[in-house]
């Protein structure tokens, strides 16, 4: 009878050895916990630094730009003298008769009433420089709106010049020598007297939103750039969204996997990483030089930005389609639906929120682009507001670039204000993408 060999019992470790093992394990755990705490602190420090730099940037922009939303105005007594306004000498009060009047005479007369001691060409020139060069046209618009002002003396608030506006906002050092600042001593004295008399104050700068670009800072506005951006983005969306969605659906649902589709996918991914200025060069060579489309137009800008946005929309669309569970496809096919019906009725509606999110993010990127648009001529100085897709136009990022290159101190405020408006639009678009994703996204 064979004997069953029982394993020898493991000798019990001494208590000192068990204590050593426990000490080693505890020390190892302590080191791991310390490493985890350090890693967590590294992450918090990195996030804090990033937020600090972002807050510093926003604080700098807001600190320089928020005053641009207010503009200085001067109250001047204007006598709408018919003998001055009636250029034909007929004595008629109709608008056609007084349309060609020299309204600058009325402005100068009102300024001389306020400061009758101003004499000499240089002093009078400085006096007339207190108000904007647009003041005569502002009086003309008031007469067109209210013809009953003819023959009446009335206190009118007129737009101050950029130098007076900068001084009134405290952006000019009064202690500097007269030769080192853009405003004269007499003008500073007159501004102080106007302030003491309550004839100078800041009002909301509506001109910033209703005027086009101008060489005079106090008259410059962003309406032309906003309209150019809206028209350009409209072209971009109308072209890139349907083409991008159709391409994503084809590649993800219908294309046969092979070398040809691999070649397309690689090139789409490469196009997403191409510098934006390359698309501007392509638009200049193809759309302007070859096809002869109008330079500086929103049409060409939209075509260029569509090429740049398409890869982003295609990649986001494919990711949204891939996130739809295969069971949805299998159930639709099992119920007798064709592949086209399966995609159109079931897969695409479920993937559409992700596609819209990717499209909005791509449009937000297009809104902030300037390099490709510089190459197609949208950097020109354009005063008129574009009315259609073929008019010369500029966009908000290019307008910011143009203003930042101008030497006048007042344009610094407008540059920062335009940056604030651009950032507000981009935050709004990204926020809309997040809301759409949270509202319609399905989790599986």
Protein backbone atom coordinates (compact mmCIF):
# COMPACT_ATOMS: atom_id res chain seq x y z
CA UNK A 1 0.00 0.00 0.00
CA UNK A 2 1.46 3.28 -1.16
CA UNK A 3 2.06 5.89 1.44
CA UNK A 4 0.58 9.32 0.88
CA UNK A 5 3.24 11.96 1.27
CA UNK A 6 1.87 15.01 3.04
CA UNK A 7 3.53 18.37 2.32
CA UNK A 8 5.72 19.56 5.02
CA UNK A 9 4.22 22.40 6.96
CA UNK A 10 5.67 25.82 6.21
CA UNK A 11 7.61 27.02 9.13
CA UNK A 12 6.07 30.10 10.70
CA UNK A 13 8.01 33.31 10.12
CA UNK A 14 9.37 34.93 13.15
CA UNK A 15 7.64 38.04 14.41
CA UNK A 16 10.61 40.25 13.54
CA UNK A 17 10.44 39.14 9.88
CA UNK A 18 6.72 39.89 9.74
CA UNK A 19 7.35 43.31 11.20
CA UNK A 20 10.05 43.97 8.59
CA UNK A 21 7.71 43.01 5.72
CA UNK A 22 4.93 45.18 7.14
CA UNK A 23 7.36 48.08 7.48
CA UNK A 24 8.51 47.68 3.88
CA UNK A 25 4.90 47.54 2.59
CA UNK A 26 3.87 50.59 4.62
CA UNK A 27 6.89 52.54 3.40
CA UNK A 28 6.08 51.59 -0.21
CA UNK A 29 2.46 52.69 0.24
CA UNK A 30 3.58 55.92 1.82
CA UNK A 31 5.84 56.65 -1.13
CA UNK A 32 3.00 55.87 -3.56
CA UNK A 33 0.60 58.13 -1.68
CA UNK A 34 3.20 60.89 -1.57
CA UNK A 35 3.79 60.54 -5.32
CA UNK A 36 0.03 60.71 -5.93
CA UNK A 37 -0.24 63.85 -3.78
CA UNK A 38 2.68 65.45 -5.64
CA UNK A 39 1.11 64.57 -9.00
CA UNK A 40 -2.19 66.06 -7.85
CA UNK A 41 -0.41 69.23 -6.75
CA UNK A 42 1.43 69.41 -10.07
CA UNK A 43 -1.91 69.24 -11.86
CA UNK A 44 -3.46 71.91 -9.62
CA UNK A 45 -0.45 74.17 -10.11
CA UNK A 46 -0.59 73.72 -13.89
CA UNK A 47 -4.33 74.47 -13.96
CA UNK A 48 -3.85 77.48 -11.67
CA UNK A 49 -1.06 78.87 -13.87
CA UNK A 50 -3.18 78.39 -16.98
CA UNK A 51 -6.17 80.12 -15.38
CA UNK A 52 -3.94 82.90 -14.08
CA UNK A 53 -2.55 83.61 -17.56
CA UNK A 54 -6.05 83.50 -19.06
CA UNK A 55 -7.36 85.89 -16.39
CA UNK A 56 -4.35 88.14 -16.95
CA UNK A 57 -5.05 88.22 -20.68
CA UNK A 58 -8.76 88.90 -20.22
CA UNK A 59 -8.05 91.50 -17.56
CA UNK A 60 -5.60 93.29 -19.83
CA UNK A 61 -8.03 93.27 -22.75
CA UNK A 62 -11.02 94.36 -20.68
CA UNK A 63 -9.00 97.00 -18.84
CA UNK A 64 -7.98 98.60 -22.12
CA UNK A 65 -11.20 98.09 -24.05
CA UNK A 66 -14.20 98.66 -21.80
CA UNK A 67 -13.90 102.47 -22.08
CA UNK A 68 -14.36 102.21 -25.84
CA UNK A 69 -18.04 101.49 -25.23
CA UNK A 70 -18.39 105.10 -24.05
CA UNK A 71 -17.55 108.17 -26.11
CA UNK A 72 -17.07 111.80 -25.11
CA UNK A 73 -19.57 114.41 -26.30
CA UNK A 74 -19.50 118.21 -26.03
CA UNK A 75 -22.63 120.38 -25.67
CA UNK A 76 -22.42 123.35 -28.05
CA UNK A 77 -24.99 126.12 -28.65
CA UNK A 78 -25.85 125.91 -32.36
CA UNK A 79 -27.81 128.62 -34.13
CA UNK A 80 -29.39 127.14 -37.25
CA UNK A 81 -29.24 130.45 -39.12
CA UNK A 82 -31.22 130.28 -42.36
CA UNK A 83 -29.01 132.94 -43.97
CA UNK A 84 -26.01 130.60 -43.56
CA UNK A 85 -27.82 127.39 -44.47
CA UNK A 86 -29.65 128.78 -47.53
CA UNK A 87 -26.95 128.54 -50.19
CA UNK A 88 -29.28 129.63 -53.01
CA UNK A 89 -30.46 132.84 -51.31
CA UNK A 90 -34.11 132.00 -51.99
CA UNK A 91 -35.10 132.06 -48.33
CA UNK A 92 -36.78 128.66 -48.58
CA UNK A 93 -36.67 126.16 -45.72
CA UNK A 94 -37.01 122.94 -47.70
CA UNK A 95 -34.35 120.27 -47.35
CA UNK A 96 -33.27 120.40 -50.98
CA UNK A 97 -32.34 124.07 -50.60
CA UNK A 98 -30.26 123.62 -47.43
CA UNK A 99 -28.78 120.22 -48.32
CA UNK A 100 -25.58 121.75 -49.67
CA UNK A 101 -25.04 124.14 -46.75
CA UNK A 102 -21.67 124.36 -45.01
CA UNK A 103 -22.62 123.08 -41.57
CA UNK A 104 -19.04 123.42 -40.31
CA UNK A 105 -19.71 127.18 -40.14
CA UNK A 106 -22.45 126.52 -37.58
CA UNK A 107 -20.13 124.31 -35.51
CA UNK A 108 -17.33 126.88 -35.52
CA UNK A 109 -19.72 129.67 -34.64
CA UNK A 110 -20.99 127.69 -31.65
CA UNK A 111 -17.45 127.00 -30.42
CA UNK A 112 -16.53 130.68 -30.69
CA UNK A 113 -19.59 131.53 -28.57
CA UNK A 114 -18.24 129.30 -25.82
CA UNK A 115 -14.69 130.64 -26.06
CA UNK A 116 -14.80 134.15 -27.56
CA UNK A 117 -11.21 134.91 -26.49
CA UNK A 118 -9.74 132.37 -28.92
CA UNK A 119 -7.81 134.28 -31.59
CA UNK A 120 -5.30 133.60 -34.31
CA UNK A 121 -5.21 130.77 -36.82
CA UNK A 122 -3.41 128.26 -34.62
CA UNK A 123 -5.64 128.88 -31.60
CA UNK A 124 -8.83 128.76 -33.68
CA UNK A 125 -7.62 125.57 -35.35
CA UNK A 126 -7.09 124.06 -31.90
CA UNK A 127 -10.55 125.24 -30.85
CA UNK A 128 -12.23 123.68 -33.86
CA UNK A 129 -10.27 120.50 -33.17
CA UNK A 130 -12.24 119.92 -29.97
CA UNK A 131 -15.03 118.25 -31.95
CA UNK A 132 -14.96 115.46 -34.47
CA UNK A 133 -14.69 116.09 -38.18
CA UNK A 134 -18.07 114.33 -38.44
CA UNK A 135 -19.85 117.08 -36.48
CA UNK A 136 -21.06 119.04 -39.55
CA UNK A 137 -22.58 115.87 -41.01
CA UNK A 138 -24.17 115.15 -37.63
CA UNK A 139 -25.86 118.57 -37.76
CA UNK A 140 -27.00 117.87 -41.30
CA UNK A 141 -28.59 114.59 -40.18
CA UNK A 142 -30.38 116.39 -37.33
CA UNK A 143 -31.80 118.95 -39.75
CA UNK A 144 -32.97 116.16 -42.06
CA UNK A 145 -34.71 114.46 -39.13
CA UNK A 146 -36.11 117.68 -37.58
CA UNK A 147 -36.53 120.50 -40.15
CA UNK A 148 -38.17 122.68 -37.48
CA UNK A 149 -34.69 123.40 -36.06
CA UNK A 150 -34.06 125.89 -38.89
CA UNK A 151 -33.91 129.39 -37.45
CA UNK A 152 -33.67 128.12 -33.87
CA UNK A 153 -30.76 128.18 -31.39
CA UNK A 154 -30.41 124.93 -29.49
CA UNK A 155 -27.85 123.12 -27.33
CA UNK A 156 -26.56 120.16 -29.35
CA UNK A 157 -24.35 117.33 -28.10
CA UNK A 158 -21.63 116.80 -30.71
CA UNK A 159 -19.00 114.07 -30.87
CA UNK A 160 -15.66 115.14 -29.40
CA UNK A 161 -12.40 114.50 -31.21
CA UNK A 162 -10.26 111.49 -30.40
CA UNK A 163 -7.68 113.64 -28.59
CA UNK A 164 -10.34 115.16 -26.31
CA UNK A 165 -11.86 111.74 -25.69
CA UNK A 166 -8.46 110.31 -24.76
CA UNK A 167 -7.76 113.25 -22.44
CA UNK A 168 -11.18 113.06 -20.78
CA UNK A 169 -10.67 109.34 -20.08
CA UNK A 170 -7.35 110.06 -18.40
CA UNK A 171 -5.13 108.42 -21.01
CA UNK A 172 -2.99 111.50 -21.66
CA UNK A 173 -0.38 112.68 -19.18
CA UNK A 174 -1.03 116.37 -18.60
CA UNK A 175 2.39 116.82 -17.00
CA UNK A 176 4.22 116.14 -20.26
CA UNK A 177 5.51 119.00 -22.34
CA UNK A 178 3.12 120.23 -25.03
CA UNK A 179 5.45 118.99 -27.76
CA UNK A 180 5.31 115.44 -26.35
CA UNK A 181 1.53 114.97 -26.38
CA UNK A 182 -1.17 115.09 -29.02
CA UNK A 183 -3.26 117.78 -27.35
CA UNK A 184 -2.36 121.43 -26.77
CA UNK A 185 -2.38 123.37 -23.52
CA UNK A 186 -5.23 125.60 -24.72
CA UNK A 187 -7.33 122.54 -25.51
CA UNK A 188 -6.71 121.12 -22.04
CA UNK A 189 -7.81 124.42 -20.51
CA UNK A 190 -10.97 124.50 -22.65
CA UNK A 191 -11.82 120.89 -21.76
CA UNK A 192 -11.49 121.71 -18.05
CA UNK A 193 -13.83 124.70 -18.47
CA UNK A 194 -16.33 122.59 -20.38
CA UNK A 195 -16.22 119.95 -17.66
CA UNK A 196 -16.75 122.56 -14.95
CA UNK A 197 -19.74 123.93 -16.87
CA UNK A 198 -21.23 120.45 -17.35
CA UNK A 199 -20.89 120.68 -21.11
CA UNK A 200 -18.77 117.57 -21.60
CA UNK A 201 -19.65 114.01 -20.66
CA UNK A 202 -19.43 110.39 -21.77
CA UNK A 203 -22.32 108.63 -23.49
CA UNK A 204 -22.77 105.09 -24.75
CA UNK A 205 -20.78 104.69 -27.96
CA UNK A 206 -23.50 103.53 -30.34
CA UNK A 207 -21.27 104.54 -33.26
CA UNK A 208 -18.99 101.59 -32.47
CA UNK A 209 -21.79 99.25 -33.58
CA UNK A 210 -23.45 101.21 -36.40
CA UNK A 211 -20.46 102.75 -38.21
CA UNK A 212 -18.01 101.21 -40.62
CA UNK A 213 -14.27 101.65 -40.46
CA UNK A 214 -12.76 105.13 -40.41
CA UNK A 215 -9.38 106.83 -40.19
CA UNK A 216 -10.80 108.95 -37.35
CA UNK A 217 -10.88 106.85 -34.14
CA UNK A 218 -14.00 108.49 -32.72
CA UNK A 219 -15.94 107.58 -35.89
CA UNK A 220 -14.59 104.06 -36.37
CA UNK A 221 -17.02 101.18 -35.90
CA UNK A 222 -17.23 97.45 -36.41
CA UNK A 223 -20.50 97.18 -38.33
CA UNK A 224 -18.75 96.57 -41.65
CA UNK A 225 -16.51 93.90 -40.14
CA UNK A 226 -19.46 92.23 -38.39
CA UNK A 227 -21.49 92.09 -41.59
CA UNK A 228 -18.46 90.76 -43.47
CA UNK A 229 -17.97 88.06 -40.83
CA UNK A 230 -21.65 87.06 -40.91
CA UNK A 231 -21.76 86.85 -44.71
CA UNK A 232 -18.48 84.91 -44.81
CA UNK A 233 -19.61 82.46 -42.11
CA UNK A 234 -22.94 81.97 -43.87
CA UNK A 235 -21.15 80.90 -47.05
CA UNK A 236 -18.83 78.71 -44.99
CA UNK A 237 -21.70 76.92 -43.23
CA UNK A 238 -23.82 76.45 -46.35
CA UNK A 239 -20.90 74.77 -48.11
CA UNK A 240 -19.00 72.94 -45.40
CA UNK A 241 -21.86 71.46 -43.36
CA UNK A 242 -23.74 69.49 -46.05
CA UNK A 243 -20.53 68.43 -47.82
CA UNK A 244 -18.87 67.47 -44.53
CA UNK A 245 -21.87 65.47 -43.30
CA UNK A 246 -22.26 63.68 -46.65
CA UNK A 247 -18.54 62.80 -46.72
CA UNK A 248 -18.62 61.51 -43.14
CA UNK A 249 -21.69 59.35 -43.86
CA UNK A 250 -20.15 57.91 -47.00
CA UNK A 251 -16.79 57.09 -45.43
CA UNK A 252 -18.27 55.64 -42.25
CA UNK A 253 -21.33 53.80 -43.57
CA UNK A 254 -21.01 53.08 -47.30
CA UNK A 255 -17.35 53.14 -48.39
CA UNK A 256 -15.61 49.79 -48.81
CA UNK A 257 -12.51 49.61 -46.69
CA UNK A 258 -9.42 49.54 -48.88
CA UNK A 259 -6.47 51.52 -50.12
CA UNK A 260 -8.63 54.21 -51.68
CA UNK A 261 -10.55 54.97 -48.47
CA UNK A 262 -7.33 54.78 -46.44
CA UNK A 263 -5.79 57.32 -48.82
CA UNK A 264 -8.80 59.64 -48.38
CA UNK A 265 -8.75 59.32 -44.58
CA UNK A 266 -5.03 60.07 -44.38
CA UNK A 267 -5.43 63.17 -46.53
CA UNK A 268 -8.43 64.41 -44.49
CA UNK A 269 -6.39 64.08 -41.30
CA UNK A 270 -3.47 65.85 -42.95
CA UNK A 271 -5.69 68.69 -44.17
CA UNK A 272 -6.91 69.25 -40.61
CA UNK A 273 -3.31 70.00 -39.59
CA UNK A 274 -2.37 72.21 -42.56
CA UNK A 275 -1.60 75.85 -41.56
CA UNK A 276 -4.51 78.13 -42.39
CA UNK A 277 -2.40 80.48 -44.52
CA UNK A 278 -1.92 77.63 -47.02
CA UNK A 279 -5.68 77.66 -47.64
CA UNK A 280 -5.41 81.40 -48.27
CA UNK A 281 -2.73 80.81 -50.90
CA UNK A 282 -4.93 78.13 -52.48
CA UNK A 283 -7.91 80.50 -52.57
CA UNK A 284 -5.79 83.24 -54.12
CA UNK A 285 -4.51 80.92 -56.84
CA UNK A 286 -7.76 79.09 -57.62
CA UNK A 287 -10.76 81.28 -56.78
CA UNK A 288 -9.30 84.69 -57.64
CA UNK A 289 -6.59 84.14 -60.25
CA UNK A 290 -8.14 81.16 -62.05
CA UNK A 291 -11.91 81.60 -61.66
CA UNK A 292 -11.79 85.41 -61.47
CA UNK A 293 -14.06 85.80 -58.45
CA UNK A 294 -14.15 89.29 -56.87
CA UNK A 295 -11.26 90.01 -54.54
CA UNK A 296 -11.96 90.82 -50.87
CA UNK A 297 -15.52 89.49 -51.15
CA UNK A 298 -17.31 87.34 -48.53
CA UNK A 299 -17.91 84.77 -51.29
CA UNK A 300 -14.19 84.05 -51.71
CA UNK A 301 -13.64 84.26 -47.95
CA UNK A 302 -16.41 81.72 -47.37
CA UNK A 303 -14.97 79.35 -49.99
CA UNK A 304 -11.52 79.51 -48.40
CA UNK A 305 -12.84 78.98 -44.88
CA UNK A 306 -15.01 76.11 -46.13
CA UNK A 307 -11.90 74.28 -47.32
CA UNK A 308 -10.31 74.85 -43.93
CA UNK A 309 -13.40 73.80 -41.93
CA UNK A 310 -14.33 70.68 -43.94
CA UNK A 311 -11.73 68.33 -42.36
CA UNK A 312 -12.88 69.30 -38.85
CA UNK A 313 -16.53 68.65 -39.69
CA UNK A 314 -15.74 65.35 -41.43
CA UNK A 315 -13.66 64.04 -38.52
CA UNK A 316 -16.28 65.12 -35.95
CA UNK A 317 -19.06 63.64 -38.10
CA UNK A 318 -17.32 60.28 -38.40
CA UNK A 319 -16.73 60.18 -34.64
CA UNK A 320 -20.43 60.93 -34.04
CA UNK A 321 -21.49 58.16 -36.45
CA UNK A 322 -19.07 55.67 -34.89
CA UNK A 323 -20.56 56.39 -31.44
CA UNK A 324 -23.98 55.04 -32.52
CA UNK A 325 -24.22 51.40 -31.25
CA UNK A 326 -24.13 48.66 -33.91
CA UNK A 327 -27.36 47.25 -32.42
CA UNK A 328 -29.26 50.22 -33.89
CA UNK A 329 -28.03 49.31 -37.36
CA UNK A 330 -28.67 45.61 -36.87
CA UNK A 331 -32.21 46.19 -35.57
CA UNK A 332 -33.09 48.44 -38.50
CA UNK A 333 -31.71 45.98 -41.05
CA UNK A 334 -33.43 43.13 -39.26
CA UNK A 335 -36.79 44.89 -39.62
CA UNK A 336 -36.31 45.03 -43.39
CA UNK A 337 -34.93 48.55 -43.81
CA UNK A 338 -32.47 49.16 -46.61
CA UNK A 339 -29.01 50.44 -45.76
CA UNK A 340 -29.95 53.92 -46.94
CA UNK A 341 -33.10 53.87 -44.80
CA UNK A 342 -31.12 52.56 -41.84
CA UNK A 343 -28.63 55.42 -42.11
CA UNK A 344 -31.15 58.16 -42.92
CA UNK A 345 -33.89 57.22 -40.46
CA UNK A 346 -31.95 55.83 -37.51
CA UNK A 347 -28.18 56.39 -37.46
CA UNK A 348 -27.98 59.94 -38.82
CA UNK A 349 -30.61 61.47 -36.45
CA UNK A 350 -28.80 59.94 -33.47
CA UNK A 351 -25.42 61.21 -34.69
CA UNK A 352 -26.65 64.67 -35.71
CA UNK A 353 -26.09 66.35 -32.28
CA UNK A 354 -22.41 65.36 -32.40
CA UNK A 355 -22.16 66.54 -36.00
CA UNK A 356 -23.71 69.90 -35.12
CA UNK A 357 -21.33 70.27 -32.19
CA UNK A 358 -18.32 69.62 -34.42
CA UNK A 359 -19.67 71.99 -37.06
CA UNK A 360 -20.18 74.82 -34.55
CA UNK A 361 -16.67 74.34 -33.17
CA UNK A 362 -15.32 74.42 -36.73
CA UNK A 363 -17.30 77.60 -37.45
CA UNK A 364 -15.96 79.20 -34.26
CA UNK A 365 -12.45 78.44 -35.47
CA UNK A 366 -13.30 79.96 -38.85
CA UNK A 367 -14.67 83.09 -37.13
CA UNK A 368 -11.30 83.71 -35.48
CA UNK A 369 -9.16 83.15 -38.58
CA UNK A 370 -7.38 86.02 -40.24
CA UNK A 371 -4.31 84.60 -42.06
CA UNK A 372 -6.16 82.97 -45.01
CA UNK A 373 -8.35 86.05 -45.45
CA UNK A 374 -5.32 88.34 -45.58
CA UNK A 375 -4.09 86.40 -48.60
CA UNK A 376 -7.31 87.02 -50.56
CA UNK A 377 -7.33 90.78 -49.99
CA UNK A 378 -9.77 91.15 -47.10
CA UNK A 379 -7.18 93.35 -45.40
CA UNK A 380 -8.15 96.43 -47.42
CA UNK A 381 -9.46 99.61 -45.78
CA UNK A 382 -13.21 99.38 -46.46
CA UNK A 383 -15.57 102.07 -45.15
CA UNK A 384 -18.88 100.90 -46.67
CA UNK A 385 -20.86 98.12 -45.05
CA UNK A 386 -21.16 95.10 -47.43
CA UNK A 387 -24.69 94.42 -48.61
CA UNK A 388 -24.19 91.13 -50.48
CA UNK A 389 -21.69 88.33 -50.99
CA UNK A 390 -19.86 90.14 -53.81
CA UNK A 391 -19.18 93.52 -52.14
CA UNK A 392 -15.68 94.25 -50.82
CA UNK A 393 -15.58 93.41 -47.13
CA UNK A 394 -13.40 92.64 -44.18
CA UNK A 395 -13.96 90.47 -41.10
CA UNK A 396 -13.62 91.09 -37.39
CA UNK A 397 -10.18 89.45 -36.85
CA UNK A 398 -8.74 91.39 -39.81
CA UNK A 399 -10.32 94.60 -38.48
CA UNK A 400 -8.57 93.99 -35.17
CA UNK A 401 -5.30 93.48 -37.05
CA UNK A 402 -5.77 96.75 -38.95
CA UNK A 403 -6.60 98.78 -35.85
CA UNK A 404 -3.73 97.33 -33.83
CA UNK A 405 -1.28 98.66 -36.42
CA UNK A 406 -2.51 102.28 -36.21
CA UNK A 407 -0.54 104.73 -34.07
CA UNK A 408 -3.41 106.69 -32.46
CA UNK A 409 -3.95 105.98 -28.77
CA UNK A 410 -7.74 105.90 -29.22
CA UNK A 411 -7.45 102.89 -31.54
CA UNK A 412 -5.97 100.86 -28.66
CA UNK A 413 -9.35 101.01 -26.92
CA UNK A 414 -11.22 100.06 -30.07
CA UNK A 415 -8.85 97.19 -30.76
CA UNK A 416 -9.42 95.76 -27.29
CA UNK A 417 -13.19 96.34 -27.58
CA UNK A 418 -13.28 94.49 -30.91
CA UNK A 419 -11.32 91.62 -29.32
CA UNK A 420 -13.89 91.50 -26.51
CA UNK A 421 -16.74 91.32 -29.02
CA UNK A 422 -14.96 88.61 -31.03
CA UNK A 423 -14.30 86.56 -27.89
CA UNK A 424 -17.94 86.99 -26.86
CA UNK A 425 -19.10 85.56 -30.20
CA UNK A 426 -16.66 82.65 -29.94
CA UNK A 427 -17.69 81.89 -26.34
CA UNK A 428 -21.33 82.06 -27.43
CA UNK A 429 -20.74 79.61 -30.28
CA UNK A 430 -18.79 77.18 -28.10
CA UNK A 431 -21.45 77.49 -25.41
CA UNK A 432 -24.13 76.70 -28.00
CA UNK A 433 -22.17 73.59 -29.00
CA UNK A 434 -22.05 72.44 -25.37
CA UNK A 435 -25.78 73.09 -24.89
CA UNK A 436 -26.68 71.13 -28.04
CA UNK A 437 -24.47 68.26 -26.97
CA UNK A 438 -25.96 68.14 -23.47
CA UNK A 439 -29.52 68.54 -24.76
CA UNK A 440 -29.57 65.99 -27.56
CA UNK A 441 -26.67 63.65 -26.88
CA UNK A 442 -27.65 60.02 -26.22
CA UNK A 443 -25.49 57.96 -23.88
CA UNK A 444 -25.32 54.26 -24.56
